Amino acid sequence: MRTITVTGEDEDAHPVRLFCTDSGGDRDTHSDTHNGADGPPLLLLHGLAGHCGEWEALAGRFATTHRVAAFDARGSGASTRRPRDVSRAAHVRDVVEVVDHLGLPAGELVLVGQSMGGLTALLTAAAHPELVRALVLIEAGPGGPSPRLPDIIGGWLDSWPVPFPDAEAAAAFFGGGAAGRAWAAGLAPGPGGLHPRVDRDVMVATVRENARRDFWDAWDLVRCPVLVVRGGRGTMEREEADRMAERHPETRIRVVPDAGHDVHLDDPAAVYGEMAAFLAELRG
């Protein structure tokens, strides 16, 4: 696994750094094979206030059969913390920039996104169908508008007892288990303990577009096969997923019963199983 930094731009040409991980290592990035892997490449997009490291458990399961890449979204993790543009269009441009920089083969790529990362994946497939072979959307869809979302996100971030004294306390605050440890791993050392690598105002600005509108128009432009994974205790409504399948017949819906919104952290084995079956059908 290698780590690199991709430099993209805002619309006003202001540079944005994107921290990436890539199981392709130092190989020829324009080759479709890696260590015997013959499955399509996967690009993993995390949710709001997350970081690419949260995909490690799932990525490890695919690393021998697929090239797996991920990156910290603008405003999060080790990427530019305070970008000028946090629109959905800016996040889509970042995906295209990373795909180009890593040499991921157009038309073969499977975009995997959770929550806001899933929406970015959806919008990328709608705007750039030539890039995307398939989508995996984890607790993510085109529904909305959600007028209260900025207040909900702001209140959630305000509830974090910053600084956290240590990783153990942070993991407990975030619910414990694998999910709590993954969230704790996204924090950084600072005065008095561990601090977030996101800013409240940037995260609130990131969801303002979702507060004003839905994205069903983009969903209707998606032409590739789609796997939607809901958590049985998650926040995505069954009705939204059902409506997605009604409007796009190549949509498979699966539910992981005991998982919450962070399905990929609560039960990575179940997510792997659903994805592996979906990817096998693509190849067939």
C-alpha atoms as a PDB file:
ATOM      1  CA  MET A   1       0.000   0.000   0.000  1.00  0.00           C
ATOM      2  CA  ARG A   2       1.404   3.398  -0.921  1.00  0.00           C
ATOM      3  CA  THR A   3       0.295   6.889   0.120  1.00  0.00           C
ATOM      4  CA  ILE A   4       0.449   9.853  -2.225  1.00  0.00           C
ATOM      5  CA  THR A   5      -0.873  13.386  -2.410  1.00  0.00           C
ATOM      6  CA  VAL A   6      -2.845  14.523  -5.448  1.00  0.00           C
ATOM      7  CA  THR A   7      -3.136  18.234  -6.165  1.00  0.00           C
ATOM      8  CA  GLY A   8      -6.444  19.381  -7.611  1.00  0.00           C
ATOM      9  CA  GLU A   9      -8.031  22.793  -7.877  1.00  0.00           C
ATOM     10  CA  ASP A  10     -11.101  24.770  -6.909  1.00  0.00           C
ATOM     11  CA  GLU A  11     -12.933  26.539  -9.706  1.00  0.00           C
ATOM     12  CA  ASP A  12     -10.810  29.638  -9.041  1.00  0.00           C
ATOM     13  CA  ALA A  13      -7.614  27.548  -9.499  1.00  0.00           C
ATOM     14  CA  HIS A  14      -6.916  27.521  -5.756  1.00  0.00           C
ATOM     15  CA  PRO A  15      -4.965  24.297  -5.104  1.00  0.00           C
ATOM     16  CA  VAL A  16      -6.487  21.468  -3.059  1.00  0.00           C
ATOM     17  CA  ARG A  17      -4.368  18.605  -1.717  1.00  0.00           C
ATOM     18  CA  LEU A  18      -5.950  15.149  -1.616  1.00  0.00           C
ATOM     19  CA  PHE A  19      -4.302  12.469   0.504  1.00  0.00           C
ATOM     20  CA  CYS A  20      -4.659   9.045  -1.178  1.00  0.00           C
ATOM     21  CA  THR A  21      -3.871   5.411  -0.442  1.00  0.00           C
ATOM     22  CA  ASP A  22      -3.427   2.906  -3.255  1.00  0.00           C
ATOM     23  CA  SER A  23      -2.740  -0.822  -3.160  1.00  0.00           C
ATOM     24  CA  GLY A  24      -1.204  -0.440  -6.624  1.00  0.00           C
ATOM     25  CA  GLY A  25       2.127   0.374  -5.007  1.00  0.00           C
ATOM     26  CA  ASP A  26       4.893   1.225  -7.451  1.00  0.00           C
ATOM     27  CA  ARG A  27       3.571  -0.848 -10.313  1.00  0.00           C
ATOM     28  CA  ASP A  28       2.693   0.504 -13.748  1.00  0.00           C
ATOM     29  CA  THR A  29      -0.463   2.445 -12.835  1.00  0.00           C
ATOM     30  CA  HIS A  30      -1.866   1.991 -16.340  1.00  0.00           C
ATOM     31  CA  SER A  31      -1.926  -1.788 -16.012  1.00  0.00           C
ATOM     32  CA  ASP A  32      -5.180  -3.406 -14.886  1.00  0.00           C
ATOM     33  CA  THR A  33      -3.489  -6.164 -12.883  1.00  0.00           C
ATOM     34  CA  HIS A  34      -1.714  -6.132  -9.540  1.00  0.00           C
ATOM     35  CA  ASN A  35      -0.235  -9.062  -7.613  1.00  0.00           C
ATOM     36  CA  GLY A  36      -2.441 -11.427  -9.598  1.00  0.00           C
ATOM     37  CA  ALA A  37      -5.552  -9.323  -9.060  1.00  0.00           C
ATOM     38  CA  ASP A  38      -7.983  -9.521 -11.933  1.00  0.00           C
ATOM     39  CA  GLY A  39     -11.072  -7.825 -10.490  1.00  0.00           C
ATOM     40  CA  PRO A  40     -12.070  -4.257 -11.371  1.00  0.00           C
ATOM     41  CA  PRO A  41     -10.334  -1.472  -9.433  1.00  0.00           C
ATOM     42  CA  LEU A  42     -12.185  -0.080  -6.425  1.00  0.00           C
ATOM     43  CA  LEU A  43     -12.140   3.568  -5.314  1.00  0.00           C
ATOM     44  CA  LEU A  44     -13.498   4.039  -1.780  1.00  0.00           C
ATOM     45  CA  LEU A  45     -15.114   7.323  -0.645  1.00  0.00           C
ATOM     46  CA  HIS A  46     -15.715   7.927   3.068  1.00  0.00           C
ATOM     47  CA  GLY A  47     -18.572   9.837   4.655  1.00  0.00           C
ATOM     48  CA  LEU A  48     -18.782  13.297   6.232  1.00  0.00           C
ATOM     49  CA  ALA A  49     -16.024  14.078   8.769  1.00  0.00           C
ATOM     50  CA  GLY A  50     -14.449  10.667   8.132  1.00  0.00           C
ATOM     51  CA  HIS A  51     -11.116   9.603   6.677  1.00  0.00           C
ATOM     52  CA  CYS A  52      -9.859   7.018   4.209  1.00  0.00           C
ATOM     53  CA  GLY A  53      -8.317   4.882   6.963  1.00  0.00           C
ATOM     54  CA  GLU A  54     -11.773   3.734   8.013  1.00  0.00           C
ATOM     55  CA  TRP A  55     -11.841   1.481   4.926  1.00  0.00           C
ATOM     56  CA  GLU A  56      -8.838  -0.601   6.037  1.00  0.00           C
ATOM     57  CA  ALA A  57     -10.791  -3.683   7.167  1.00  0.00           C
ATOM     58  CA  LEU A  58     -12.802  -3.849   3.946  1.00  0.00           C
ATOM     59  CA  ALA A  59      -9.905  -2.882   1.685  1.00  0.00           C
ATOM     60  CA  GLY A  60      -7.742  -5.627   3.170  1.00  0.00           C
ATOM     61  CA  ARG A  61     -10.278  -8.251   2.143  1.00  0.00           C
ATOM     62  CA  PHE A  62     -10.163  -7.092  -1.482  1.00  0.00           C
ATOM     63  CA  ALA A  63      -6.450  -6.285  -1.782  1.00  0.00           C
ATOM     64  CA  THR A  64      -5.446  -9.641  -3.312  1.00  0.00           C
ATOM     65  CA  THR A  65      -8.187  -9.624  -5.945  1.00  0.00           C
ATOM     66  CA  HIS A  66      -8.622  -5.929  -6.750  1.00  0.00           C
ATOM     67  CA  ARG A  67      -6.624  -2.769  -6.901  1.00  0.00           C
ATOM     68  CA  VAL A  68      -8.038  -0.690  -4.026  1.00  0.00           C
ATOM     69  CA  ALA A  69      -7.618   3.068  -3.655  1.00  0.00           C
ATOM     70  CA  ALA A  70      -9.142   5.610  -1.273  1.00  0.00           C
ATOM     71  CA  PHE A  71      -8.662   9.258  -0.411  1.00  0.00           C
ATOM     72  CA  ASP A  72      -9.484  11.813   2.255  1.00  0.00           C
ATOM     73  CA  ALA A  73     -12.186  14.123   0.947  1.00  0.00           C
ATOM     74  CA  ARG A  74     -11.463  17.835   0.797  1.00  0.00           C
ATOM     75  CA  GLY A  75     -11.976  19.307   4.256  1.00  0.00           C
ATOM     76  CA  SER A  76     -11.184  16.016   6.008  1.00  0.00           C
ATOM     77  CA  GLY A  77      -8.262  13.961   7.272  1.00  0.00           C
ATOM     78  CA  ALA A  78      -4.898  14.763   5.720  1.00  0.00           C
ATOM     79  CA  SER A  79      -6.376  16.576   2.701  1.00  0.00           C
ATOM     80  CA  THR A  80      -6.775  20.364   2.511  1.00  0.00           C
ATOM     81  CA  ARG A  81      -8.664  21.240   5.673  1.00  0.00           C
ATOM     82  CA  ARG A  82     -10.293  24.499   4.598  1.00  0.00           C
ATOM     83  CA  PRO A  83     -10.964  24.406   0.843  1.00  0.00           C
ATOM     84  CA  ARG A  84     -12.813  27.343  -0.649  1.00  0.00           C
ATOM     85  CA  ASP A  85     -15.318  25.133  -2.458  1.00  0.00           C
ATOM     86  CA  VAL A  86     -17.095  22.254  -0.703  1.00  0.00           C
ATOM     87  CA  SER A  87     -19.928  21.820  -3.209  1.00  0.00           C
ATOM     88  CA  ARG A  88     -20.969  18.428  -4.513  1.00  0.00           C
ATOM     89  CA  ALA A  89     -19.501  19.431  -7.881  1.00  0.00           C
ATOM     90  CA  ALA A  90     -16.123  20.068  -6.232  1.00  0.00           C
ATOM     91  CA  HIS A  91     -16.151  16.611  -4.658  1.00  0.00           C
ATOM     92  CA  VAL A  92     -16.955  15.068  -8.043  1.00  0.00           C
ATOM     93  CA  ARG A  93     -14.032  16.934  -9.611  1.00  0.00           C
ATOM     94  CA  ASP A  94     -11.780  15.476  -6.927  1.00  0.00           C
ATOM     95  CA  VAL A  95     -12.829  11.938  -7.830  1.00  0.00           C
ATOM     96  CA  VAL A  96     -12.037  12.591 -11.484  1.00  0.00           C
ATOM     97  CA  GLU A  97      -8.663  14.094 -10.520  1.00  0.00           C
ATOM     98  CA  VAL A  98      -7.737  11.079  -8.387  1.00  0.00           C
ATOM     99  CA  VAL A  99      -8.859   8.611 -11.068  1.00  0.00           C
ATOM    100  CA  ASP A 100      -6.708  10.398 -13.639  1.00  0.00           C
ATOM    101  CA  HIS A 101      -3.682  10.767 -11.367  1.00  0.00           C
ATOM    102  CA  LEU A 102      -3.708   7.106 -10.313  1.00  0.00           C
ATOM    103  CA  GLY A 103      -4.317   5.901 -13.852  1.00  0.00           C
ATOM    104  CA  LEU A 104      -7.420   3.932 -12.881  1.00  0.00           C
ATOM    105  CA  PRO A 105      -8.889   2.509 -16.105  1.00  0.00           C
ATOM    106  CA  ALA A 106     -11.938   4.377 -17.377  1.00  0.00           C
ATOM    107  CA  GLY A 107     -14.975   2.194 -17.768  1.00  0.00           C
ATOM    108  CA  GLU A 108     -13.682  -0.457 -15.338  1.00  0.00           C
ATOM    109  CA  LEU A 109     -13.828   1.488 -12.082  1.00  0.00           C
ATOM    110  CA  VAL A 110     -16.193   0.552  -9.254  1.00  0.00           C
ATOM    111  CA  LEU A 111     -16.960   3.506  -6.990  1.00  0.00           C
ATOM    112  CA  VAL A 112     -17.776   2.573  -3.393  1.00  0.00           C
ATOM    113  CA  GLY A 113     -19.109   5.302  -1.139  1.00  0.00           C
ATOM    114  CA  GLN A 114     -20.648   5.547   2.315  1.00  0.00           C
ATOM    115  CA  SER A 115     -23.089   8.317   3.292  1.00  0.00           C
ATOM    116  CA  MET A 116     -21.856  11.610   1.751  1.00  0.00           C
ATOM    117  CA  GLY A 117     -19.130   9.672  -0.038  1.00  0.00           C
ATOM    118  CA  GLY A 118     -21.866   7.568  -1.576  1.00  0.00           C
ATOM    119  CA  LEU A 119     -23.617  10.665  -2.841  1.00  0.00           C
ATOM    120  CA  THR A 120     -20.338  11.813  -4.390  1.00  0.00           C
ATOM    121  CA  ALA A 121     -20.011   8.403  -6.069  1.00  0.00           C
ATOM    122  CA  LEU A 122     -23.575   8.627  -7.390  1.00  0.00           C
ATOM    123  CA  LEU A 123     -23.043  12.116  -8.794  1.00  0.00           C
ATOM    124  CA  THR A 124     -19.752  11.076 -10.392  1.00  0.00           C
ATOM    125  CA  ALA A 125     -21.446   8.169 -12.168  1.00  0.00           C
ATOM    126  CA  ALA A 126     -24.176  10.515 -13.392  1.00  0.00           C
ATOM    127  CA  ALA A 127     -21.780  13.198 -14.657  1.00  0.00           C
ATOM    128  CA  HIS A 128     -19.053  10.865 -15.975  1.00  0.00           C
ATOM    129  CA  PRO A 129     -20.662   7.580 -17.040  1.00  0.00           C
ATOM    130  CA  GLU A 130     -17.608   6.762 -19.147  1.00  0.00           C
ATOM    131  CA  LEU A 131     -15.524   6.342 -15.976  1.00  0.00           C
ATOM    132  CA  VAL A 132     -17.718   4.071 -13.882  1.00  0.00           C
ATOM    133  CA  ARG A 133     -18.441   0.361 -14.332  1.00  0.00           C
ATOM    134  CA  ALA A 134     -20.602   0.031 -11.204  1.00  0.00           C
ATOM    135  CA  LEU A 135     -21.579   1.704  -7.939  1.00  0.00           C
ATOM    136  CA  VAL A 136     -21.727   0.457  -4.360  1.00  0.00           C
ATOM    137  CA  LEU A 137     -23.700   2.885  -2.193  1.00  0.00           C
ATOM    138  CA  ILE A 138     -23.570   2.242   1.551  1.00  0.00           C
ATOM    139  CA  GLU A 139     -26.295   4.098   3.444  1.00  0.00           C
ATOM    140  CA  ALA A 140     -26.410   6.620   0.603  1.00  0.00           C
ATOM    141  CA  GLY A 141     -28.949   7.761  -1.954  1.00  0.00           C
ATOM    142  CA  PRO A 142     -30.391  10.779  -3.776  1.00  0.00           C
ATOM    143  CA  GLY A 143     -33.125  11.643  -1.288  1.00  0.00           C
ATOM    144  CA  GLY A 144     -33.787  15.080   0.166  1.00  0.00           C
ATOM    145  CA  PRO A 145     -34.063  17.945   0.721  1.00  0.00           C
ATOM    146  CA  SER A 146     -33.040  17.775   4.394  1.00  0.00           C
ATOM    147  CA  PRO A 147     -33.515  21.308   5.806  1.00  0.00           C
ATOM    148  CA  ARG A 148     -32.397  20.364   9.342  1.00  0.00           C
ATOM    149  CA  LEU A 149     -29.210  18.618   8.253  1.00  0.00           C
ATOM    150  CA  PRO A 150     -26.799  21.547   8.837  1.00  0.00           C
ATOM    151  CA  ASP A 151     -28.109  21.992  12.379  1.00  0.00           C
ATOM    152  CA  ILE A 152     -27.912  18.252  13.025  1.00  0.00           C
ATOM    153  CA  ILE A 153     -24.320  18.068  11.818  1.00  0.00           C
ATOM    154  CA  GLY A 154     -23.340  21.189  13.736  1.00  0.00           C
ATOM    155  CA  GLY A 155     -24.899  19.864  16.939  1.00  0.00           C
ATOM    156  CA  TRP A 156     -23.215  16.493  16.479  1.00  0.00           C
ATOM    157  CA  LEU A 157     -19.788  18.089  16.093  1.00  0.00           C
ATOM    158  CA  ASP A 158     -20.452  20.410  19.042  1.00  0.00           C
ATOM    159  CA  SER A 159     -21.107  17.346  21.196  1.00  0.00           C
ATOM    160  CA  TRP A 160     -17.568  16.016  20.729  1.00  0.00           C
ATOM    161  CA  PRO A 161     -15.687  16.497  24.049  1.00  0.00           C
ATOM    162  CA  VAL A 162     -12.595  17.983  22.422  1.00  0.00           C
ATOM    163  CA  PRO A 163      -9.827  17.377  23.207  1.00  0.00           C
ATOM    164  CA  PHE A 164     -10.243  13.665  23.804  1.00  0.00           C
ATOM    165  CA  PRO A 165      -7.744  12.567  26.486  1.00  0.00           C
ATOM    166  CA  ASP A 166      -6.711   9.448  24.556  1.00  0.00           C
ATOM    167  CA  ALA A 167      -7.753   7.035  21.815  1.00  0.00           C
ATOM    168  CA  GLU A 168      -9.559   4.739  24.254  1.00  0.00           C
ATOM    169  CA  ALA A 169     -11.794   7.564  25.495  1.00  0.00           C
ATOM    170  CA  ALA A 170     -12.448   8.693  21.918  1.00  0.00           C
ATOM    171  CA  ALA A 171     -13.387   5.185  20.782  1.00  0.00           C
ATOM    172  CA  ALA A 172     -15.803   4.867  23.712  1.00  0.00           C
ATOM    173  CA  PHE A 173     -17.430   8.208  22.836  1.00  0.00           C
ATOM    174  CA  PHE A 174     -17.948   7.060  19.248  1.00  0.00           C
ATOM    175  CA  GLY A 175     -19.739   3.914  20.363  1.00  0.00           C
ATOM    176  CA  GLY A 176     -16.891   1.500  20.959  1.00  0.00           C
ATOM    177  CA  GLY A 177     -16.019  -1.521  18.875  1.00  0.00           C
ATOM    178  CA  ALA A 178     -14.481  -1.354  15.421  1.00  0.00           C
ATOM    179  CA  ALA A 179     -16.508   1.722  14.490  1.00  0.00           C
ATOM    180  CA  GLY A 180     -15.389   3.635  17.578  1.00  0.00           C
ATOM    181  CA  ARG A 181     -11.749   2.722  16.972  1.00  0.00           C
ATOM    182  CA  ALA A 182     -11.991   3.844  13.342  1.00  0.00           C
ATOM    183  CA  TRP A 183     -13.406   7.224  14.332  1.00  0.00           C
ATOM    184  CA  ALA A 184     -10.734   7.597  17.009  1.00  0.00           C
ATOM    185  CA  ALA A 185      -8.055   6.834  14.410  1.00  0.00           C
ATOM    186  CA  GLY A 186      -9.225   9.880  12.476  1.00  0.00           C
ATOM    187  CA  LEU A 187      -8.185  12.224  15.290  1.00  0.00           C
ATOM    188  CA  ALA A 188      -4.791  13.936  15.556  1.00  0.00           C
ATOM    189  CA  PRO A 189      -2.584  14.772  18.573  1.00  0.00           C
ATOM    190  CA  GLY A 190      -2.740  18.370  19.757  1.00  0.00           C
ATOM    191  CA  PRO A 191      -2.770  20.509  22.907  1.00  0.00           C
ATOM    192  CA  GLY A 192      -4.285  18.496  25.738  1.00  0.00           C
ATOM    193  CA  GLY A 193      -5.072  15.344  23.763  1.00  0.00           C
ATOM    194  CA  LEU A 194      -6.646  14.285  20.456  1.00  0.00           C
ATOM    195  CA  HIS A 195      -8.420  16.713  18.135  1.00  0.00           C
ATOM    196  CA  PRO A 196     -10.636  16.401  15.031  1.00  0.00           C
ATOM    197  CA  ARG A 197      -9.070  16.830  11.610  1.00  0.00           C
ATOM    198  CA  VAL A 198     -12.181  18.658  10.396  1.00  0.00           C
ATOM    199  CA  ASP A 199     -13.631  22.096  11.127  1.00  0.00           C
ATOM    200  CA  ARG A 200     -17.254  22.539  12.120  1.00  0.00           C
ATOM    201  CA  ASP A 201     -18.018  25.339   9.671  1.00  0.00           C
ATOM    202  CA  VAL A 202     -16.521  23.410   6.747  1.00  0.00           C
ATOM    203  CA  MET A 203     -18.577  20.305   7.538  1.00  0.00           C
ATOM    204  CA  VAL A 204     -21.776  22.334   7.923  1.00  0.00           C
ATOM    205  CA  ALA A 205     -21.088  24.098   4.613  1.00  0.00           C
ATOM    206  CA  THR A 206     -20.514  20.700   2.984  1.00  0.00           C
ATOM    207  CA  VAL A 207     -24.098  19.587   3.690  1.00  0.00           C
ATOM    208  CA  ARG A 208     -25.893  22.847   2.856  1.00  0.00           C
ATOM    209  CA  GLU A 209     -26.585  21.682  -0.684  1.00  0.00           C
ATOM    210  CA  ASN A 210     -28.313  18.598   0.727  1.00  0.00           C
ATOM    211  CA  ALA A 211     -30.454  20.846   2.898  1.00  0.00           C
ATOM    212  CA  ARG A 212     -31.812  22.664  -0.154  1.00  0.00           C
ATOM    213  CA  ARG A 213     -32.389  19.930  -2.726  1.00  0.00           C
ATOM    214  CA  ASP A 214     -32.589  16.258  -3.642  1.00  0.00           C
ATOM    215  CA  PHE A 215     -30.536  14.487  -6.316  1.00  0.00           C
ATOM    216  CA  TRP A 216     -33.112  12.329  -8.078  1.00  0.00           C
ATOM    217  CA  ASP A 217     -32.327  14.086 -11.354  1.00  0.00           C
ATOM    218  CA  ALA A 218     -28.763  12.752 -11.122  1.00  0.00           C
ATOM    219  CA  TRP A 219     -29.979   9.293 -10.126  1.00  0.00           C
ATOM    220  CA  ASP A 220     -32.001   9.120 -13.314  1.00  0.00           C
ATOM    221  CA  LEU A 221     -28.767   9.630 -15.286  1.00  0.00           C
ATOM    222  CA  VAL A 222     -26.977   6.654 -13.704  1.00  0.00           C
ATOM    223  CA  ARG A 223     -26.693   3.825 -16.230  1.00  0.00           C
ATOM    224  CA  CYS A 224     -24.418   1.317 -14.490  1.00  0.00           C
ATOM    225  CA  PRO A 225     -25.352  -1.523 -12.107  1.00  0.00           C
ATOM    226  CA  VAL A 226     -25.727  -0.437  -8.477  1.00  0.00           C
ATOM    227  CA  LEU A 227     -25.535  -2.214  -5.132  1.00  0.00           C
ATOM    228  CA  VAL A 228     -27.252  -0.355  -2.276  1.00  0.00           C
ATOM    229  CA  VAL A 229     -26.345  -1.558   1.232  1.00  0.00           C
ATOM    230  CA  ARG A 230     -28.468  -0.363   4.137  1.00  0.00           C
ATOM    231  CA  GLY A 231     -27.880  -0.877   7.838  1.00  0.00           C
ATOM    232  CA  GLY A 232     -30.795  -2.380   9.710  1.00  0.00           C
ATOM    233  CA  ARG A 233     -30.179   0.279  12.375  1.00  0.00           C
ATOM    234  CA  GLY A 234     -28.992   2.902   9.895  1.00  0.00           C
ATOM    235  CA  THR A 235     -30.466   6.223   8.826  1.00  0.00           C
ATOM    236  CA  MET A 236     -31.288   5.444   5.196  1.00  0.00           C
ATOM    237  CA  GLU A 237     -35.028   4.882   4.805  1.00  0.00           C
ATOM    238  CA  ARG A 238     -36.252   1.716   3.137  1.00  0.00           C
ATOM    239  CA  GLU A 239     -38.588   3.814   1.002  1.00  0.00           C
ATOM    240  CA  GLU A 240     -35.668   5.714  -0.515  1.00  0.00           C
ATOM    241  CA  ALA A 241     -33.875   2.510  -1.485  1.00  0.00           C
ATOM    242  CA  ASP A 242     -37.068   1.012  -2.920  1.00  0.00           C
ATOM    243  CA  ARG A 243     -37.682   4.138  -4.977  1.00  0.00           C
ATOM    244  CA  MET A 244     -34.124   3.939  -6.303  1.00  0.00           C
ATOM    245  CA  ALA A 245     -34.753   0.381  -7.497  1.00  0.00           C
ATOM    246  CA  GLU A 246     -38.065   1.353  -9.096  1.00  0.00           C
ATOM    247  CA  ARG A 247     -36.400   4.098 -11.127  1.00  0.00           C
ATOM    248  CA  HIS A 248     -33.237   2.131 -11.961  1.00  0.00           C
ATOM    249  CA  PRO A 249     -33.870  -1.597 -12.491  1.00  0.00           C
ATOM    250  CA  GLU A 250     -30.171  -2.532 -12.302  1.00  0.00           C
ATOM    251  CA  THR A 251     -30.215  -1.759  -8.579  1.00  0.00           C
ATOM    252  CA  ARG A 252     -29.710  -4.507  -6.003  1.00  0.00           C
ATOM    253  CA  ILE A 253     -30.689  -3.685  -2.401  1.00  0.00           C
ATOM    254  CA  ARG A 254     -29.216  -5.520   0.574  1.00  0.00           C
ATOM    255  CA  VAL A 255     -29.673  -4.945   4.321  1.00  0.00           C
ATOM    256  CA  VAL A 256     -27.139  -5.773   7.039  1.00  0.00           C
ATOM    257  CA  PRO A 257     -29.533  -6.243   9.975  1.00  0.00           C
ATOM    258  CA  ASP A 258     -27.356  -5.463  12.995  1.00  0.00           C
ATOM    259  CA  ALA A 259     -25.404  -2.571  11.461  1.00  0.00           C
ATOM    260  CA  GLY A 260     -25.921   1.153  11.896  1.00  0.00           C
ATOM    261  CA  HIS A 261     -25.088   3.991   9.541  1.00  0.00           C
ATOM    262  CA  ASP A 262     -21.407   2.955   9.451  1.00  0.00           C
ATOM    263  CA  VAL A 263     -22.206  -0.452   7.960  1.00  0.00           C
ATOM    264  CA  HIS A 264     -18.675  -0.888   6.609  1.00  0.00           C
ATOM    265  CA  LEU A 265     -17.307  -0.514  10.142  1.00  0.00           C
ATOM    266  CA  ASP A 266     -20.012  -2.372  12.056  1.00  0.00           C
ATOM    267  CA  ASP A 267     -19.893  -5.471   9.847  1.00  0.00           C
ATOM    268  CA  PRO A 268     -17.153  -5.370   7.193  1.00  0.00           C
ATOM    269  CA  ALA A 269     -17.481  -9.127   6.623  1.00  0.00           C
ATOM    270  CA  ALA A 270     -21.128  -8.754   5.612  1.00  0.00           C
ATOM    271  CA  VAL A 271     -20.357  -5.799   3.347  1.00  0.00           C
ATOM    272  CA  TYR A 272     -17.523  -7.775   1.782  1.00  0.00           C
ATOM    273  CA  GLY A 273     -19.850 -10.690   1.127  1.00  0.00           C
ATOM    274  CA  GLU A 274     -22.459  -8.547  -0.577  1.00  0.00           C
ATOM    275  CA  MET A 275     -19.853  -6.693  -2.618  1.00  0.00           C
ATOM    276  CA  ALA A 276     -18.030  -9.865  -3.639  1.00  0.00           C
ATOM    277  CA  ALA A 277     -21.261 -11.411  -4.915  1.00  0.00           C
ATOM    278  CA  PHE A 278     -22.139  -8.218  -6.767  1.00  0.00           C
ATOM    279  CA  LEU A 279     -18.696  -7.973  -8.366  1.00  0.00           C
ATOM    280  CA  ALA A 280     -18.809 -11.633  -9.374  1.00  0.00           C
ATOM    281  CA  GLU A 281     -22.089 -10.973 -11.200  1.00  0.00           C
ATOM    282  CA  LEU A 282     -20.479  -8.038 -12.999  1.00  0.00           C
ATOM    283  CA  ARG A 283     -17.719 -10.293 -14.268  1.00  0.00           C
ATOM    284  CA  GLY A 284     -20.191 -12.977 -15.246  1.00  0.00           C
END
